[in-house]
């Protein structure tokens, strides 16, 4: 019996040692990223001027340049992964991507499954219509009387879904799109009456497509924008927050906003 206890104790000690060694070898997610020299960043490149594909087929925009600078200061390169917006949170959870930047707003629901960086930009919402729109939108809730388009998985989608749940907006009149530009095209072509999105991208899409105008602008569902980080990746989050603070202090983010938003 003593011999049995001895071998049990020995196996237990060896298991603990192996676990400790494995943890030290794996290190934190930040260590793994730095060792690889690459950070895999998810985005949905359909939301100009935050993220989009330029005429040369390259990713461009405010978020893209910001993330490239953050990665540079972390000493790594960015490997971009273009995904539908509503797949990005799951991509971070499942480890398909290390982090995600795509004009994300903090929500309590999202915070239950991922973590967020400090704020890097404050946004507003906007409602857009076609130039020939004959209705009236004086307050956000007025959109409940129309066919409304929105990008799937956004905070705007969540807000509009709330109107459906309250019985104010007919579920049949809420149209969800994988890409914001698809919704804007349907708006221009009269398939929907109103589109809701972040203010800056909505203005960019309206200018790009023509025939669209902003009829309401303000904070409805939007607000501070943050980078999505895996839950519990404390060291990675701290490192990113330190760089964001540096870039704010240096005026880099303000200059980037002027470049892309004209403000």
C-alpha atoms as a PDB file:
ATOM      1  CA  UNK A   1       0.000   0.000   0.000  1.00  0.00           C
ATOM      2  CA  UNK A   2       2.854   2.388   0.816  1.00  0.00           C
ATOM      3  CA  UNK A   3       4.380   1.654  -2.583  1.00  0.00           C
ATOM      4  CA  UNK A   4       1.053   2.543  -4.245  1.00  0.00           C
ATOM      5  CA  UNK A   5       0.935   5.853  -2.390  1.00  0.00           C
ATOM      6  CA  UNK A   6       4.547   6.530  -3.398  1.00  0.00           C
ATOM      7  CA  UNK A   7       3.846   6.040  -7.111  1.00  0.00           C
ATOM      8  CA  UNK A   8       0.637   8.083  -6.896  1.00  0.00           C
ATOM      9  CA  UNK A   9       2.546  10.947  -5.288  1.00  0.00           C
ATOM     10  CA  UNK A  10       5.322  10.681  -7.866  1.00  0.00           C
ATOM     11  CA  UNK A  11       2.872  10.785 -10.786  1.00  0.00           C
ATOM     12  CA  UNK A  12       1.095  13.771  -9.235  1.00  0.00           C
ATOM     13  CA  UNK A  13       4.350  15.716  -8.783  1.00  0.00           C
ATOM     14  CA  UNK A  14       5.483  14.930 -12.341  1.00  0.00           C
ATOM     15  CA  UNK A  15       2.108  16.052 -13.731  1.00  0.00           C
ATOM     16  CA  UNK A  16       2.359  19.360 -11.894  1.00  0.00           C
ATOM     17  CA  UNK A  17       5.918  19.888 -13.120  1.00  0.00           C
ATOM     18  CA  UNK A  18       4.952  19.144 -16.710  1.00  0.00           C
ATOM     19  CA  UNK A  19       1.991  21.501 -16.496  1.00  0.00           C
ATOM     20  CA  UNK A  20       4.228  24.243 -15.117  1.00  0.00           C
ATOM     21  CA  UNK A  21       6.808  23.692 -17.836  1.00  0.00           C
ATOM     22  CA  UNK A  22       4.135  23.662 -20.516  1.00  0.00           C
ATOM     23  CA  UNK A  23       2.693  26.944 -19.246  1.00  0.00           C
ATOM     24  CA  UNK A  24       6.106  28.567 -19.188  1.00  0.00           C
ATOM     25  CA  UNK A  25       6.869  27.326 -22.670  1.00  0.00           C
ATOM     26  CA  UNK A  26       3.531  28.521 -24.073  1.00  0.00           C
ATOM     27  CA  UNK A  27       3.630  31.856 -22.315  1.00  0.00           C
ATOM     28  CA  UNK A  28       0.925  34.507 -22.585  1.00  0.00           C
ATOM     29  CA  UNK A  29      -0.805  35.264 -25.856  1.00  0.00           C
ATOM     30  CA  UNK A  30       1.347  38.379 -26.158  1.00  0.00           C
ATOM     31  CA  UNK A  31       4.488  36.226 -25.829  1.00  0.00           C
ATOM     32  CA  UNK A  32       3.215  33.820 -28.484  1.00  0.00           C
ATOM     33  CA  UNK A  33       2.451  36.695 -30.879  1.00  0.00           C
ATOM     34  CA  UNK A  34       5.834  38.328 -30.343  1.00  0.00           C
ATOM     35  CA  UNK A  35       7.640  35.033 -30.794  1.00  0.00           C
ATOM     36  CA  UNK A  36       5.810  34.462 -34.090  1.00  0.00           C
ATOM     37  CA  UNK A  37       6.398  38.061 -35.134  1.00  0.00           C
ATOM     38  CA  UNK A  38       2.840  38.239 -36.473  1.00  0.00           C
ATOM     39  CA  UNK A  39      -0.535  39.256 -35.069  1.00  0.00           C
ATOM     40  CA  UNK A  40      -3.614  37.928 -36.885  1.00  0.00           C
ATOM     41  CA  UNK A  41      -6.177  40.729 -36.996  1.00  0.00           C
ATOM     42  CA  UNK A  42      -9.754  40.255 -38.124  1.00  0.00           C
ATOM     43  CA  UNK A  43     -11.732  42.992 -39.844  1.00  0.00           C
ATOM     44  CA  UNK A  44     -14.724  43.420 -42.132  1.00  0.00           C
ATOM     45  CA  UNK A  45     -13.302  45.563 -44.925  1.00  0.00           C
ATOM     46  CA  UNK A  46     -16.609  47.006 -46.118  1.00  0.00           C
ATOM     47  CA  UNK A  47     -16.919  50.030 -43.844  1.00  0.00           C
ATOM     48  CA  UNK A  48     -15.115  53.066 -45.282  1.00  0.00           C
ATOM     49  CA  UNK A  49     -13.382  55.116 -44.080  1.00  0.00           C
ATOM     50  CA  UNK A  50     -12.627  52.763 -41.154  1.00  0.00           C
ATOM     51  CA  UNK A  51     -11.782  49.691 -43.239  1.00  0.00           C
ATOM     52  CA  UNK A  52     -12.180  49.036 -46.942  1.00  0.00           C
ATOM     53  CA  UNK A  53     -10.406  47.724 -50.044  1.00  0.00           C
ATOM     54  CA  UNK A  54      -8.743  50.475 -52.105  1.00  0.00           C
ATOM     55  CA  UNK A  55      -8.390  50.661 -55.896  1.00  0.00           C
ATOM     56  CA  UNK A  56      -5.184  48.630 -55.737  1.00  0.00           C
ATOM     57  CA  UNK A  57      -6.903  45.813 -53.850  1.00  0.00           C
ATOM     58  CA  UNK A  58      -5.217  46.645 -50.534  1.00  0.00           C
ATOM     59  CA  UNK A  59      -6.877  47.147 -47.175  1.00  0.00           C
ATOM     60  CA  UNK A  60      -7.041  50.801 -46.211  1.00  0.00           C
ATOM     61  CA  UNK A  61      -8.760  53.108 -43.743  1.00  0.00           C
ATOM     62  CA  UNK A  62      -8.545  54.592 -40.269  1.00  0.00           C
ATOM     63  CA  UNK A  63      -8.662  51.277 -38.393  1.00  0.00           C
ATOM     64  CA  UNK A  64      -6.224  49.663 -40.809  1.00  0.00           C
ATOM     65  CA  UNK A  65      -3.567  52.374 -40.419  1.00  0.00           C
ATOM     66  CA  UNK A  66      -4.099  52.518 -36.666  1.00  0.00           C
ATOM     67  CA  UNK A  67      -3.646  48.770 -36.277  1.00  0.00           C
ATOM     68  CA  UNK A  68      -0.566  48.737 -38.499  1.00  0.00           C
ATOM     69  CA  UNK A  69       1.017  51.375 -36.243  1.00  0.00           C
ATOM     70  CA  UNK A  70       0.032  49.514 -33.076  1.00  0.00           C
ATOM     71  CA  UNK A  71       1.569  46.317 -34.446  1.00  0.00           C
ATOM     72  CA  UNK A  72       4.721  48.168 -35.469  1.00  0.00           C
ATOM     73  CA  UNK A  73       5.168  49.450 -31.930  1.00  0.00           C
ATOM     74  CA  UNK A  74       4.578  45.970 -30.551  1.00  0.00           C
ATOM     75  CA  UNK A  75       7.366  44.752 -32.816  1.00  0.00           C
ATOM     76  CA  UNK A  76       5.203  42.512 -35.005  1.00  0.00           C
ATOM     77  CA  UNK A  77       3.578  42.518 -38.434  1.00  0.00           C
ATOM     78  CA  UNK A  78      -0.154  42.335 -39.160  1.00  0.00           C
ATOM     79  CA  UNK A  79      -1.720  39.385 -40.940  1.00  0.00           C
ATOM     80  CA  UNK A  80      -5.150  40.651 -41.990  1.00  0.00           C
ATOM     81  CA  UNK A  81      -8.136  38.285 -42.038  1.00  0.00           C
ATOM     82  CA  UNK A  82     -11.222  39.678 -43.805  1.00  0.00           C
ATOM     83  CA  UNK A  83     -14.412  38.201 -42.323  1.00  0.00           C
ATOM     84  CA  UNK A  84     -18.117  39.054 -42.166  1.00  0.00           C
ATOM     85  CA  UNK A  85     -18.650  41.465 -39.293  1.00  0.00           C
ATOM     86  CA  UNK A  86     -20.911  39.111 -37.349  1.00  0.00           C
ATOM     87  CA  UNK A  87     -18.184  36.415 -37.415  1.00  0.00           C
ATOM     88  CA  UNK A  88     -15.420  38.524 -35.859  1.00  0.00           C
ATOM     89  CA  UNK A  89     -16.321  38.068 -32.187  1.00  0.00           C
ATOM     90  CA  UNK A  90     -16.537  34.298 -32.654  1.00  0.00           C
ATOM     91  CA  UNK A  91     -13.250  34.407 -34.567  1.00  0.00           C
ATOM     92  CA  UNK A  92     -11.520  35.927 -31.544  1.00  0.00           C
ATOM     93  CA  UNK A  93     -13.220  33.480 -29.162  1.00  0.00           C
ATOM     94  CA  UNK A  94     -12.227  30.460 -31.217  1.00  0.00           C
ATOM     95  CA  UNK A  95      -8.634  31.611 -31.764  1.00  0.00           C
ATOM     96  CA  UNK A  96      -8.986  31.923 -35.544  1.00  0.00           C
ATOM     97  CA  UNK A  97      -7.717  35.489 -35.136  1.00  0.00           C
ATOM     98  CA  UNK A  98      -5.756  37.082 -32.289  1.00  0.00           C
ATOM     99  CA  UNK A  99      -7.775  40.307 -32.101  1.00  0.00           C
ATOM    100  CA  UNK A 100     -10.246  42.300 -34.189  1.00  0.00           C
ATOM    101  CA  UNK A 101     -10.562  45.947 -35.163  1.00  0.00           C
ATOM    102  CA  UNK A 102     -13.652  46.899 -37.164  1.00  0.00           C
ATOM    103  CA  UNK A 103     -15.312  49.995 -35.666  1.00  0.00           C
ATOM    104  CA  UNK A 104     -16.450  47.890 -32.701  1.00  0.00           C
ATOM    105  CA  UNK A 105     -18.451  49.443 -29.883  1.00  0.00           C
ATOM    106  CA  UNK A 106     -18.427  48.053 -26.355  1.00  0.00           C
ATOM    107  CA  UNK A 107     -21.611  46.306 -25.241  1.00  0.00           C
ATOM    108  CA  UNK A 108     -22.321  44.334 -22.071  1.00  0.00           C
ATOM    109  CA  UNK A 109     -23.369  41.348 -24.194  1.00  0.00           C
ATOM    110  CA  UNK A 110     -20.061  41.316 -26.068  1.00  0.00           C
ATOM    111  CA  UNK A 111     -18.129  41.858 -22.851  1.00  0.00           C
ATOM    112  CA  UNK A 112     -19.422  38.521 -21.565  1.00  0.00           C
ATOM    113  CA  UNK A 113     -17.397  36.612 -24.167  1.00  0.00           C
ATOM    114  CA  UNK A 114     -14.444  38.878 -25.094  1.00  0.00           C
ATOM    115  CA  UNK A 115     -12.442  41.755 -23.641  1.00  0.00           C
ATOM    116  CA  UNK A 116     -11.926  45.230 -25.075  1.00  0.00           C
ATOM    117  CA  UNK A 117      -9.048  47.658 -25.377  1.00  0.00           C
ATOM    118  CA  UNK A 118      -9.321  51.228 -24.177  1.00  0.00           C
ATOM    119  CA  UNK A 119     -11.289  53.567 -26.448  1.00  0.00           C
ATOM    120  CA  UNK A 120      -9.490  54.837 -29.536  1.00  0.00           C
ATOM    121  CA  UNK A 121     -12.357  56.804 -31.139  1.00  0.00           C
ATOM    122  CA  UNK A 122     -15.860  58.034 -30.227  1.00  0.00           C
ATOM    123  CA  UNK A 123     -18.561  57.529 -32.837  1.00  0.00           C
ATOM    124  CA  UNK A 124     -22.151  58.513 -33.564  1.00  0.00           C
ATOM    125  CA  UNK A 125     -24.992  56.885 -35.474  1.00  0.00           C
ATOM    126  CA  UNK A 126     -26.672  58.134 -38.633  1.00  0.00           C
ATOM    127  CA  UNK A 127     -29.801  57.389 -40.611  1.00  0.00           C
ATOM    128  CA  UNK A 128     -29.602  57.788 -44.382  1.00  0.00           C
ATOM    129  CA  UNK A 129     -32.307  57.836 -47.042  1.00  0.00           C
ATOM    130  CA  UNK A 130     -32.451  58.219 -50.807  1.00  0.00           C
ATOM    131  CA  UNK A 131     -32.685  61.756 -52.159  1.00  0.00           C
ATOM    132  CA  UNK A 132     -36.325  61.213 -53.142  1.00  0.00           C
ATOM    133  CA  UNK A 133     -37.415  60.105 -49.657  1.00  0.00           C
ATOM    134  CA  UNK A 134     -40.779  61.726 -48.858  1.00  0.00           C
ATOM    135  CA  UNK A 135     -41.077  60.668 -45.224  1.00  0.00           C
ATOM    136  CA  UNK A 136     -39.907  62.355 -42.030  1.00  0.00           C
ATOM    137  CA  UNK A 137     -37.389  61.205 -39.399  1.00  0.00           C
ATOM    138  CA  UNK A 138     -37.211  63.708 -36.557  1.00  0.00           C
ATOM    139  CA  UNK A 139     -36.289  61.203 -33.851  1.00  0.00           C
ATOM    140  CA  UNK A 140     -34.557  57.799 -34.041  1.00  0.00           C
ATOM    141  CA  UNK A 141     -37.739  55.870 -33.247  1.00  0.00           C
ATOM    142  CA  UNK A 142     -39.419  57.378 -36.325  1.00  0.00           C
ATOM    143  CA  UNK A 143     -37.574  54.832 -38.489  1.00  0.00           C
ATOM    144  CA  UNK A 144     -40.003  52.188 -37.178  1.00  0.00           C
ATOM    145  CA  UNK A 145     -42.497  53.320 -39.813  1.00  0.00           C
ATOM    146  CA  UNK A 146     -40.210  52.317 -42.690  1.00  0.00           C
ATOM    147  CA  UNK A 147     -38.207  49.458 -44.198  1.00  0.00           C
ATOM    148  CA  UNK A 148     -34.841  49.701 -42.455  1.00  0.00           C
ATOM    149  CA  UNK A 149     -31.499  48.187 -43.501  1.00  0.00           C
ATOM    150  CA  UNK A 150     -28.555  47.512 -41.187  1.00  0.00           C
ATOM    151  CA  UNK A 151     -25.339  45.498 -41.113  1.00  0.00           C
ATOM    152  CA  UNK A 152     -25.765  42.224 -39.270  1.00  0.00           C
ATOM    153  CA  UNK A 153     -24.231  41.981 -35.794  1.00  0.00           C
ATOM    154  CA  UNK A 154     -23.638  45.718 -35.277  1.00  0.00           C
ATOM    155  CA  UNK A 155     -24.813  47.773 -32.307  1.00  0.00           C
ATOM    156  CA  UNK A 156     -27.245  49.420 -34.744  1.00  0.00           C
ATOM    157  CA  UNK A 157     -28.651  45.952 -35.475  1.00  0.00           C
ATOM    158  CA  UNK A 158     -29.072  45.446 -31.737  1.00  0.00           C
ATOM    159  CA  UNK A 159     -30.881  48.764 -31.314  1.00  0.00           C
ATOM    160  CA  UNK A 160     -33.242  48.099 -34.222  1.00  0.00           C
ATOM    161  CA  UNK A 161     -33.904  44.583 -32.934  1.00  0.00           C
ATOM    162  CA  UNK A 162     -34.952  46.263 -29.698  1.00  0.00           C
ATOM    163  CA  UNK A 163     -37.599  48.208 -31.648  1.00  0.00           C
ATOM    164  CA  UNK A 164     -38.833  44.902 -33.082  1.00  0.00           C
ATOM    165  CA  UNK A 165     -38.984  43.341 -29.614  1.00  0.00           C
ATOM    166  CA  UNK A 166     -40.972  46.338 -28.370  1.00  0.00           C
ATOM    167  CA  UNK A 167     -43.467  45.932 -31.201  1.00  0.00           C
ATOM    168  CA  UNK A 168     -42.570  49.297 -32.734  1.00  0.00           C
ATOM    169  CA  UNK A 169     -40.852  48.002 -35.881  1.00  0.00           C
ATOM    170  CA  UNK A 170     -42.341  45.130 -37.871  1.00  0.00           C
ATOM    171  CA  UNK A 171     -39.851  42.276 -38.075  1.00  0.00           C
ATOM    172  CA  UNK A 172     -40.571  41.991 -41.798  1.00  0.00           C
ATOM    173  CA  UNK A 173     -39.345  45.582 -42.216  1.00  0.00           C
ATOM    174  CA  UNK A 174     -35.908  44.969 -40.707  1.00  0.00           C
ATOM    175  CA  UNK A 175     -33.375  43.944 -43.361  1.00  0.00           C
ATOM    176  CA  UNK A 176     -29.986  42.660 -42.213  1.00  0.00           C
ATOM    177  CA  UNK A 177     -26.954  42.618 -44.510  1.00  0.00           C
ATOM    178  CA  UNK A 178     -23.551  40.949 -44.275  1.00  0.00           C
ATOM    179  CA  UNK A 179     -21.938  44.084 -45.734  1.00  0.00           C
ATOM    180  CA  UNK A 180     -22.755  47.758 -45.216  1.00  0.00           C
ATOM    181  CA  UNK A 181     -22.240  48.576 -48.897  1.00  0.00           C
ATOM    182  CA  UNK A 182     -24.914  46.021 -49.848  1.00  0.00           C
ATOM    183  CA  UNK A 183     -27.400  47.827 -47.626  1.00  0.00           C
ATOM    184  CA  UNK A 184     -26.423  51.201 -49.114  1.00  0.00           C
ATOM    185  CA  UNK A 185     -26.963  49.890 -52.645  1.00  0.00           C
ATOM    186  CA  UNK A 186     -30.410  48.584 -51.726  1.00  0.00           C
ATOM    187  CA  UNK A 187     -31.185  51.957 -50.169  1.00  0.00           C
ATOM    188  CA  UNK A 188     -30.223  53.774 -53.354  1.00  0.00           C
ATOM    189  CA  UNK A 189     -32.243  51.323 -55.472  1.00  0.00           C
ATOM    190  CA  UNK A 190     -35.362  51.690 -53.338  1.00  0.00           C
ATOM    191  CA  UNK A 191     -35.474  48.198 -51.818  1.00  0.00           C
ATOM    192  CA  UNK A 192     -35.330  49.728 -48.322  1.00  0.00           C
ATOM    193  CA  UNK A 193     -36.345  53.192 -47.104  1.00  0.00           C
ATOM    194  CA  UNK A 194     -33.755  53.923 -44.411  1.00  0.00           C
ATOM    195  CA  UNK A 195     -30.290  52.670 -43.485  1.00  0.00           C
ATOM    196  CA  UNK A 196     -28.709  52.908 -40.041  1.00  0.00           C
ATOM    197  CA  UNK A 197     -24.948  52.795 -39.518  1.00  0.00           C
ATOM    198  CA  UNK A 198     -22.069  54.569 -37.806  1.00  0.00           C
ATOM    199  CA  UNK A 199     -22.082  58.195 -38.880  1.00  0.00           C
ATOM    200  CA  UNK A 200     -18.664  58.429 -40.557  1.00  0.00           C
ATOM    201  CA  UNK A 201     -19.004  55.294 -42.725  1.00  0.00           C
ATOM    202  CA  UNK A 202     -22.586  56.257 -43.588  1.00  0.00           C
ATOM    203  CA  UNK A 203     -21.414  59.634 -44.858  1.00  0.00           C
ATOM    204  CA  UNK A 204     -18.628  57.965 -46.832  1.00  0.00           C
ATOM    205  CA  UNK A 205     -21.019  55.507 -48.473  1.00  0.00           C
ATOM    206  CA  UNK A 206     -23.462  58.308 -49.298  1.00  0.00           C
ATOM    207  CA  UNK A 207     -20.695  60.335 -50.943  1.00  0.00           C
ATOM    208  CA  UNK A 208     -19.359  57.299 -52.799  1.00  0.00           C
ATOM    209  CA  UNK A 209     -22.681  56.119 -54.223  1.00  0.00           C
ATOM    210  CA  UNK A 210     -24.449  59.451 -54.618  1.00  0.00           C
ATOM    211  CA  UNK A 211     -28.201  59.865 -54.411  1.00  0.00           C
ATOM    212  CA  UNK A 212     -28.231  59.399 -50.629  1.00  0.00           C
ATOM    213  CA  UNK A 213     -28.478  61.862 -47.759  1.00  0.00           C
ATOM    214  CA  UNK A 214     -28.198  61.850 -43.962  1.00  0.00           C
ATOM    215  CA  UNK A 215     -31.456  62.776 -42.227  1.00  0.00           C
ATOM    216  CA  UNK A 216     -30.502  62.140 -38.585  1.00  0.00           C
ATOM    217  CA  UNK A 217     -27.194  62.003 -36.737  1.00  0.00           C
ATOM    218  CA  UNK A 218     -26.441  61.433 -33.057  1.00  0.00           C
ATOM    219  CA  UNK A 219     -25.560  58.864 -30.405  1.00  0.00           C
ATOM    220  CA  UNK A 220     -28.250  56.185 -30.525  1.00  0.00           C
ATOM    221  CA  UNK A 221     -26.463  52.846 -30.271  1.00  0.00           C
ATOM    222  CA  UNK A 222     -22.881  53.820 -31.013  1.00  0.00           C
ATOM    223  CA  UNK A 223     -20.193  55.474 -28.920  1.00  0.00           C
ATOM    224  CA  UNK A 224     -16.612  54.603 -27.977  1.00  0.00           C
ATOM    225  CA  UNK A 225     -14.787  52.271 -30.364  1.00  0.00           C
ATOM    226  CA  UNK A 226     -12.497  49.550 -29.040  1.00  0.00           C
ATOM    227  CA  UNK A 227     -10.304  46.707 -30.244  1.00  0.00           C
ATOM    228  CA  UNK A 228     -11.674  43.235 -29.467  1.00  0.00           C
ATOM    229  CA  UNK A 229      -9.272  41.086 -27.427  1.00  0.00           C
ATOM    230  CA  UNK A 230      -9.644  37.476 -26.227  1.00  0.00           C
ATOM    231  CA  UNK A 231     -11.160  37.185 -22.777  1.00  0.00           C
ATOM    232  CA  UNK A 232      -8.429  36.963 -20.169  1.00  0.00           C
ATOM    233  CA  UNK A 233      -5.587  38.051 -22.482  1.00  0.00           C
ATOM    234  CA  UNK A 234      -4.492  40.625 -19.899  1.00  0.00           C
ATOM    235  CA  UNK A 235      -0.902  41.181 -21.053  1.00  0.00           C
ATOM    236  CA  UNK A 236      -1.960  41.610 -24.671  1.00  0.00           C
ATOM    237  CA  UNK A 237      -4.646  44.089 -23.665  1.00  0.00           C
ATOM    238  CA  UNK A 238      -2.253  46.080 -21.493  1.00  0.00           C
ATOM    239  CA  UNK A 239       0.330  46.252 -24.281  1.00  0.00           C
ATOM    240  CA  UNK A 240      -2.256  47.493 -26.789  1.00  0.00           C
ATOM    241  CA  UNK A 241      -3.626  50.042 -24.299  1.00  0.00           C
ATOM    242  CA  UNK A 242      -0.125  51.407 -23.693  1.00  0.00           C
ATOM    243  CA  UNK A 243       0.360  51.955 -27.417  1.00  0.00           C
ATOM    244  CA  UNK A 244      -3.068  53.588 -27.786  1.00  0.00           C
ATOM    245  CA  UNK A 245      -2.163  55.990 -24.961  1.00  0.00           C
ATOM    246  CA  UNK A 246       1.150  56.801 -26.674  1.00  0.00           C
ATOM    247  CA  UNK A 247      -0.563  57.467 -30.001  1.00  0.00           C
ATOM    248  CA  UNK A 248      -3.136  59.734 -28.363  1.00  0.00           C
ATOM    249  CA  UNK A 249      -0.435  61.690 -26.504  1.00  0.00           C
ATOM    250  CA  UNK A 250       1.574  62.126 -29.693  1.00  0.00           C
ATOM    251  CA  UNK A 251      -1.436  63.345 -31.684  1.00  0.00           C
ATOM    252  CA  UNK A 252      -1.184  60.375 -34.063  1.00  0.00           C
ATOM    253  CA  UNK A 253      -4.846  59.365 -33.694  1.00  0.00           C
ATOM    254  CA  UNK A 254      -6.067  62.943 -34.090  1.00  0.00           C
ATOM    255  CA  UNK A 255      -4.021  63.322 -37.278  1.00  0.00           C
ATOM    256  CA  UNK A 256      -5.360  60.007 -38.557  1.00  0.00           C
ATOM    257  CA  UNK A 257      -8.949  61.166 -37.919  1.00  0.00           C
ATOM    258  CA  UNK A 258      -8.274  64.389 -39.839  1.00  0.00           C
ATOM    259  CA  UNK A 259      -6.868  62.371 -42.722  1.00  0.00           C
ATOM    260  CA  UNK A 260      -9.776  59.968 -42.997  1.00  0.00           C
ATOM    261  CA  UNK A 261     -12.735  61.858 -41.543  1.00  0.00           C
ATOM    262  CA  UNK A 262     -11.804  65.491 -42.103  1.00  0.00           C
ATOM    263  CA  UNK A 263     -12.316  66.215 -38.395  1.00  0.00           C
END
